[in-house]
Amino acid sequence: MAHSSAHTQFASGNGVGLMRCPYPNCGHSNTIITKVHCRMHHQMEREVLFEQYGKPTRVLLNYGNLK
């Protein structure tokens, strides 16, 4: 089945945006910040990371300008 670009779900998952990891200078963005990311990259449990650095921020993406 062919997919048209009008129906592509880019990295934003639901088309709204991505979450950015709150760890200083991490820069990781995804539809969710996983426990695996927090453990592998920051050696912290996600709950502890969020308590210490705050909750992830949403990064809004605008794919409307892409052709």
PDB file of N, CA and C in Angstrom:
ATOM      1  N   MET A   1       0.841  -1.186   0.000  1.00  0.00           N
ATOM      2  CA  MET A   1       0.000   0.000   0.000  1.00  0.00           C
ATOM      3  C   MET A   1       0.884   1.247   0.000  1.00  0.00           C
ATOM      4  N   ALA A   2       0.693   2.111  -0.945  1.00  0.00           N
ATOM      5  CA  ALA A   2       1.478   3.335  -1.052  1.00  0.00           C
ATOM      6  C   ALA A   2       0.955   4.377  -0.069  1.00  0.00           C
ATOM      7  N   HIS A   3       1.872   5.147   0.477  1.00  0.00           N
ATOM      8  CA  HIS A   3       1.501   6.212   1.405  1.00  0.00           C
ATOM      9  C   HIS A   3       1.775   7.553   0.754  1.00  0.00           C
ATOM     10  N   SER A   4       0.804   8.426   0.788  1.00  0.00           N
ATOM     11  CA  SER A   4       1.038   9.765   0.265  1.00  0.00           C
ATOM     12  C   SER A   4       1.633  10.623   1.365  1.00  0.00           C
ATOM     13  N   SER A   5       2.316  11.683   0.988  1.00  0.00           N
ATOM     14  CA  SER A   5       2.926  12.558   1.979  1.00  0.00           C
ATOM     15  C   SER A   5       1.876  13.231   2.853  1.00  0.00           C
ATOM     16  N   ALA A   6       0.651  13.319   2.376  1.00  0.00           N
ATOM     17  CA  ALA A   6      -0.419  13.949   3.158  1.00  0.00           C
ATOM     18  C   ALA A   6      -0.774  13.112   4.377  1.00  0.00           C
ATOM     19  N   HIS A   7      -0.471  11.811   4.330  1.00  0.00           N
ATOM     20  CA  HIS A   7      -0.819  10.933   5.443  1.00  0.00           C
ATOM     21  C   HIS A   7       0.385  10.492   6.261  1.00  0.00           C
ATOM     22  N   THR A   8       1.547  11.009   5.954  1.00  0.00           N
ATOM     23  CA  THR A   8       2.754  10.613   6.674  1.00  0.00           C
ATOM     24  C   THR A   8       2.720  11.173   8.085  1.00  0.00           C
ATOM     25  N   GLN A   9       3.005  10.330   9.067  1.00  0.00           N
ATOM     26  CA  GLN A   9       3.100  10.761  10.455  1.00  0.00           C
ATOM     27  C   GLN A   9       4.570  10.949  10.783  1.00  0.00           C
ATOM     28  N   PHE A  10       5.123  12.099  10.549  1.00  0.00           N
ATOM     29  CA  PHE A  10       6.537  12.359  10.791  1.00  0.00           C
ATOM     30  C   PHE A  10       6.930  11.967  12.212  1.00  0.00           C
ATOM     31  N   ALA A  11       8.048  12.397  12.665  1.00  0.00           N
ATOM     32  CA  ALA A  11       8.539  12.039  13.993  1.00  0.00           C
ATOM     33  C   ALA A  11       7.656  12.574  15.113  1.00  0.00           C
ATOM     34  N   SER A  12       6.752  13.462  14.806  1.00  0.00           N
ATOM     35  CA  SER A  12       5.908  14.028  15.848  1.00  0.00           C
ATOM     36  C   SER A  12       4.828  13.062  16.300  1.00  0.00           C
ATOM     37  N   GLY A  13       4.689  11.921  15.664  1.00  0.00           N
ATOM     38  CA  GLY A  13       3.718  10.929  16.084  1.00  0.00           C
ATOM     39  C   GLY A  13       2.304  11.358  15.795  1.00  0.00           C
ATOM     40  N   ASN A  14       1.755  12.237  16.607  1.00  0.00           N
ATOM     41  CA  ASN A  14       0.371  12.674  16.429  1.00  0.00           C
ATOM     42  C   ASN A  14       0.281  14.011  15.693  1.00  0.00           C
ATOM     43  N   GLY A  15       1.380  14.508  15.194  1.00  0.00           N
ATOM     44  CA  GLY A  15       1.368  15.753  14.449  1.00  0.00           C
ATOM     45  C   GLY A  15       1.402  16.996  15.310  1.00  0.00           C
ATOM     46  N   VAL A  16       1.421  16.835  16.636  1.00  0.00           N
ATOM     47  CA  VAL A  16       1.394  17.988  17.535  1.00  0.00           C
ATOM     48  C   VAL A  16       2.803  18.440  17.878  1.00  0.00           C
ATOM     49  N   GLY A  17       3.688  17.525  18.172  1.00  0.00           N
ATOM     50  CA  GLY A  17       5.043  17.913  18.526  1.00  0.00           C
ATOM     51  C   GLY A  17       5.773  16.822  19.251  1.00  0.00           C
ATOM     52  N   LEU A  18       6.970  17.137  19.659  1.00  0.00           N
ATOM     53  CA  LEU A  18       7.832  16.206  20.368  1.00  0.00           C
ATOM     54  C   LEU A  18       8.063  16.712  21.782  1.00  0.00           C
ATOM     55  N   MET A  19       8.507  15.807  22.640  1.00  0.00           N
ATOM     56  CA  MET A  19       8.892  16.179  23.989  1.00  0.00           C
ATOM     57  C   MET A  19      10.418  16.274  24.020  1.00  0.00           C
ATOM     58  N   ARG A  20      10.950  17.277  24.689  1.00  0.00           N
ATOM     59  CA  ARG A  20      12.396  17.450  24.799  1.00  0.00           C
ATOM     60  C   ARG A  20      12.832  17.064  26.214  1.00  0.00           C
ATOM     61  N   CYS A  21      13.879  16.260  26.294  1.00  0.00           N
ATOM     62  CA  CYS A  21      14.409  15.821  27.588  1.00  0.00           C
ATOM     63  C   CYS A  21      14.858  17.040  28.399  1.00  0.00           C
ATOM     64  N   PRO A  22      14.486  17.091  29.683  1.00  0.00           N
ATOM     65  CA  PRO A  22      14.843  18.254  30.498  1.00  0.00           C
ATOM     66  C   PRO A  22      16.278  18.254  31.023  1.00  0.00           C
ATOM     67  N   TYR A  23      17.012  17.160  30.847  1.00  0.00           N
ATOM     68  CA  TYR A  23      18.389  17.102  31.338  1.00  0.00           C
ATOM     69  C   TYR A  23      19.216  18.183  30.634  1.00  0.00           C
ATOM     70  N   PRO A  24      20.017  18.937  31.368  1.00  0.00           N
ATOM     71  CA  PRO A  24      20.784  20.041  30.769  1.00  0.00           C
ATOM     72  C   PRO A  24      21.630  19.604  29.577  1.00  0.00           C
ATOM     73  N   ASN A  25      21.514  20.323  28.493  1.00  0.00           N
ATOM     74  CA  ASN A  25      22.281  20.123  27.265  1.00  0.00           C
ATOM     75  C   ASN A  25      22.106  18.747  26.625  1.00  0.00           C
ATOM     76  N   CYS A  26      21.017  18.051  26.936  1.00  0.00           N
ATOM     77  CA  CYS A  26      20.791  16.731  26.347  1.00  0.00           C
ATOM     78  C   CYS A  26      20.358  16.867  24.884  1.00  0.00           C
ATOM     79  N   GLY A  27      19.321  17.641  24.634  1.00  0.00           N
ATOM     80  CA  GLY A  27      18.872  17.858  23.269  1.00  0.00           C
ATOM     81  C   GLY A  27      18.030  16.748  22.677  1.00  0.00           C
ATOM     82  N   HIS A  28      17.805  15.651  23.424  1.00  0.00           N
ATOM     83  CA  HIS A  28      17.012  14.528  22.905  1.00  0.00           C
ATOM     84  C   HIS A  28      15.543  14.916  22.825  1.00  0.00           C
ATOM     85  N   SER A  29      14.924  14.631  21.684  1.00  0.00           N
ATOM     86  CA  SER A  29      13.491  14.870  21.497  1.00  0.00           C
ATOM     87  C   SER A  29      12.851  13.614  20.942  1.00  0.00           C
ATOM     88  N   ASN A  30      11.655  13.316  21.415  1.00  0.00           N
ATOM     89  CA  ASN A  30      10.902  12.164  20.940  1.00  0.00           C
ATOM     90  C   ASN A  30       9.448  12.361  21.331  1.00  0.00           C
ATOM     91  N   THR A  31       8.589  11.463  20.880  1.00  0.00           N
ATOM     92  CA  THR A  31       7.175  11.583  21.243  1.00  0.00           C
ATOM     93  C   THR A  31       6.981  11.374  22.733  1.00  0.00           C
ATOM     94  N   ILE A  32       7.852  10.584  23.360  1.00  0.00           N
ATOM     95  CA  ILE A  32       7.901  10.448  24.818  1.00  0.00           C
ATOM     96  C   ILE A  32       9.368  10.357  25.227  1.00  0.00           C
ATOM     97  N   ILE A  33       9.645  10.717  26.460  1.00  0.00           N
ATOM     98  CA  ILE A  33      10.988  10.531  27.008  1.00  0.00           C
ATOM     99  C   ILE A  33      10.929   9.220  27.787  1.00  0.00           C
ATOM    100  N   THR A  34      11.594   8.215  27.285  1.00  0.00           N
ATOM    101  CA  THR A  34      11.462   6.875  27.852  1.00  0.00           C
ATOM    102  C   THR A  34      12.352   6.664  29.068  1.00  0.00           C
ATOM    103  N   LYS A  35      11.969   5.653  29.854  1.00  0.00           N
ATOM    104  CA  LYS A  35      12.788   5.244  30.994  1.00  0.00           C
ATOM    105  C   LYS A  35      14.151   4.763  30.507  1.00  0.00           C
ATOM    106  N   VAL A  36      14.168   4.093  29.364  1.00  0.00           N
ATOM    107  CA  VAL A  36      15.429   3.588  28.800  1.00  0.00           C
ATOM    108  C   VAL A  36      16.364   4.744  28.464  1.00  0.00           C
ATOM    109  N   HIS A  37      15.842   5.809  27.856  1.00  0.00           N
ATOM    110  CA  HIS A  37      16.676   6.977  27.547  1.00  0.00           C
ATOM    111  C   HIS A  37      17.291   7.531  28.829  1.00  0.00           C
ATOM    112  N   CYS A  38      16.471   7.720  29.839  1.00  0.00           N
ATOM    113  CA  CYS A  38      16.957   8.305  31.097  1.00  0.00           C
ATOM    114  C   CYS A  38      18.024   7.430  31.742  1.00  0.00           C
ATOM    115  N   ARG A  39      17.824   6.124  31.723  1.00  0.00           N
ATOM    116  CA  ARG A  39      18.794   5.205  32.325  1.00  0.00           C
ATOM    117  C   ARG A  39      20.087   5.137  31.520  1.00  0.00           C
ATOM    118  N   MET A  40      19.977   4.988  30.202  1.00  0.00           N
ATOM    119  CA  MET A  40      21.165   4.804  29.364  1.00  0.00           C
ATOM    120  C   MET A  40      22.013   6.062  29.238  1.00  0.00           C
ATOM    121  N   HIS A  41      21.366   7.219  29.092  1.00  0.00           N
ATOM    122  CA  HIS A  41      22.105   8.443  28.801  1.00  0.00           C
ATOM    123  C   HIS A  41      22.401   9.299  30.033  1.00  0.00           C
ATOM    124  N   HIS A  42      21.606   9.118  31.092  1.00  0.00           N
ATOM    125  CA  HIS A  42      21.779   9.977  32.260  1.00  0.00           C
ATOM    126  C   HIS A  42      21.975   9.202  33.563  1.00  0.00           C
ATOM    127  N   GLN A  43      21.932   7.854  33.475  1.00  0.00           N
ATOM    128  CA  GLN A  43      22.082   6.994  34.651  1.00  0.00           C
ATOM    129  C   GLN A  43      21.139   7.404  35.781  1.00  0.00           C
ATOM    130  N   MET A  44      19.906   7.743  35.405  1.00  0.00           N
ATOM    131  CA  MET A  44      18.887   8.162  36.365  1.00  0.00           C
ATOM    132  C   MET A  44      17.563   7.505  36.003  1.00  0.00           C
ATOM    133  N   GLU A  45      16.740   7.285  37.021  1.00  0.00           N
ATOM    134  CA  GLU A  45      15.374   6.864  36.757  1.00  0.00           C
ATOM    135  C   GLU A  45      14.610   8.077  36.244  1.00  0.00           C
ATOM    136  N   ARG A  46      13.642   7.851  35.369  1.00  0.00           N
ATOM    137  CA  ARG A  46      12.893   8.947  34.756  1.00  0.00           C
ATOM    138  C   ARG A  46      12.224   9.832  35.808  1.00  0.00           C
ATOM    139  N   GLU A  47      11.621   9.216  36.824  1.00  0.00           N
ATOM    140  CA  GLU A  47      10.930   9.990  37.856  1.00  0.00           C
ATOM    141  C   GLU A  47      11.900  10.911  38.594  1.00  0.00           C
ATOM    142  N   VAL A  48      13.094  10.407  38.883  1.00  0.00           N
ATOM    143  CA  VAL A  48      14.111  11.201  39.579  1.00  0.00           C
ATOM    144  C   VAL A  48      14.594  12.336  38.676  1.00  0.00           C
ATOM    145  N   LEU A  49      14.830  12.020  37.405  1.00  0.00           N
ATOM    146  CA  LEU A  49      15.267  13.041  36.454  1.00  0.00           C
ATOM    147  C   LEU A  49      14.235  14.162  36.366  1.00  0.00           C
ATOM    148  N   PHE A  50      12.948  13.801  36.263  1.00  0.00           N
ATOM    149  CA  PHE A  50      11.887  14.808  36.166  1.00  0.00           C
ATOM    150  C   PHE A  50      11.780  15.630  37.448  1.00  0.00           C
ATOM    151  N   GLU A  51      11.974  14.985  38.619  1.00  0.00           N
ATOM    152  CA  GLU A  51      11.934  15.719  39.892  1.00  0.00           C
ATOM    153  C   GLU A  51      13.091  16.712  39.977  1.00  0.00           C
ATOM    154  N   GLN A  52      14.252  16.284  39.510  1.00  0.00           N
ATOM    155  CA  GLN A  52      15.453  17.115  39.630  1.00  0.00           C
ATOM    156  C   GLN A  52      15.510  18.224  38.582  1.00  0.00           C
ATOM    157  N   TYR A  53      15.093  17.936  37.334  1.00  0.00           N
ATOM    158  CA  TYR A  53      15.260  18.893  36.242  1.00  0.00           C
ATOM    159  C   TYR A  53      13.950  19.417  35.666  1.00  0.00           C
ATOM    160  N   GLY A  54      12.840  18.941  36.173  1.00  0.00           N
ATOM    161  CA  GLY A  54      11.545  19.376  35.669  1.00  0.00           C
ATOM    162  C   GLY A  54      11.012  18.424  34.611  1.00  0.00           C
ATOM    163  N   LYS A  55       9.777  18.630  34.240  1.00  0.00           N
ATOM    164  CA  LYS A  55       9.148  17.775  33.239  1.00  0.00           C
ATOM    165  C   LYS A  55       9.613  18.189  31.840  1.00  0.00           C
ATOM    166  N   PRO A  56       9.489  17.270  30.878  1.00  0.00           N
ATOM    167  CA  PRO A  56       9.879  17.597  29.499  1.00  0.00           C
ATOM    168  C   PRO A  56       9.051  18.759  28.947  1.00  0.00           C
ATOM    169  N   THR A  57       9.639  19.483  28.031  1.00  0.00           N
ATOM    170  CA  THR A  57       8.910  20.558  27.361  1.00  0.00           C
ATOM    171  C   THR A  57       8.479  20.073  25.986  1.00  0.00           C
ATOM    172  N   ARG A  58       7.347  20.551  25.525  1.00  0.00           N
ATOM    173  CA  ARG A  58       6.826  20.163  24.215  1.00  0.00           C
ATOM    174  C   ARG A  58       7.440  21.066  23.156  1.00  0.00           C
ATOM    175  N   VAL A  59       7.922  20.448  22.091  1.00  0.00           N
ATOM    176  CA  VAL A  59       8.477  21.172  20.960  1.00  0.00           C
ATOM    177  C   VAL A  59       7.469  21.058  19.828  1.00  0.00           C
ATOM    178  N   LEU A  60       6.868  22.170  19.465  1.00  0.00           N
ATOM    179  CA  LEU A  60       5.880  22.154  18.394  1.00  0.00           C
ATOM    180  C   LEU A  60       6.573  22.189  17.050  1.00  0.00           C
ATOM    181  N   LEU A  61       6.088  21.374  16.155  1.00  0.00           N
ATOM    182  CA  LEU A  61       6.685  21.276  14.827  1.00  0.00           C
ATOM    183  C   LEU A  61       5.681  21.721  13.791  1.00  0.00           C
ATOM    184  N   ASN A  62       6.158  22.424  12.786  1.00  0.00           N
ATOM    185  CA  ASN A  62       5.283  22.887  11.721  1.00  0.00           C
ATOM    186  C   ASN A  62       5.764  22.286  10.420  1.00  0.00           C
ATOM    187  N   TYR A  63       5.084  21.227   9.979  1.00  0.00           N
ATOM    188  CA  TYR A  63       5.444  20.582   8.730  1.00  0.00           C
ATOM    189  C   TYR A  63       4.708  21.180   7.544  1.00  0.00           C
ATOM    190  N   GLY A  64       3.874  22.170   7.784  1.00  0.00           N
ATOM    191  CA  GLY A  64       3.082  22.762   6.724  1.00  0.00           C
ATOM    192  C   GLY A  64       3.904  23.448   5.650  1.00  0.00           C
ATOM    193  N   ASN A  65       5.121  23.873   5.993  1.00  0.00           N
ATOM    194  CA  ASN A  65       5.967  24.569   5.027  1.00  0.00           C
ATOM    195  C   ASN A  65       6.822  23.631   4.184  1.00  0.00           C
ATOM    196  N   LEU A  66       6.808  22.342   4.508  1.00  0.00           N
ATOM    197  CA  LEU A  66       7.594  21.384   3.727  1.00  0.00           C
ATOM    198  C   LEU A  66       6.857  21.022   2.448  1.00  0.00           C
ATOM    199  N   LYS A  67       7.580  20.887   1.369  1.00  0.00           N
ATOM    200  CA  LYS A  67       6.974  20.506   0.080  1.00  0.00           C
ATOM    201  C   LYS A  67       7.456  19.153  -0.313  1.00  0.00           C
TER     202      LYS A  67
END
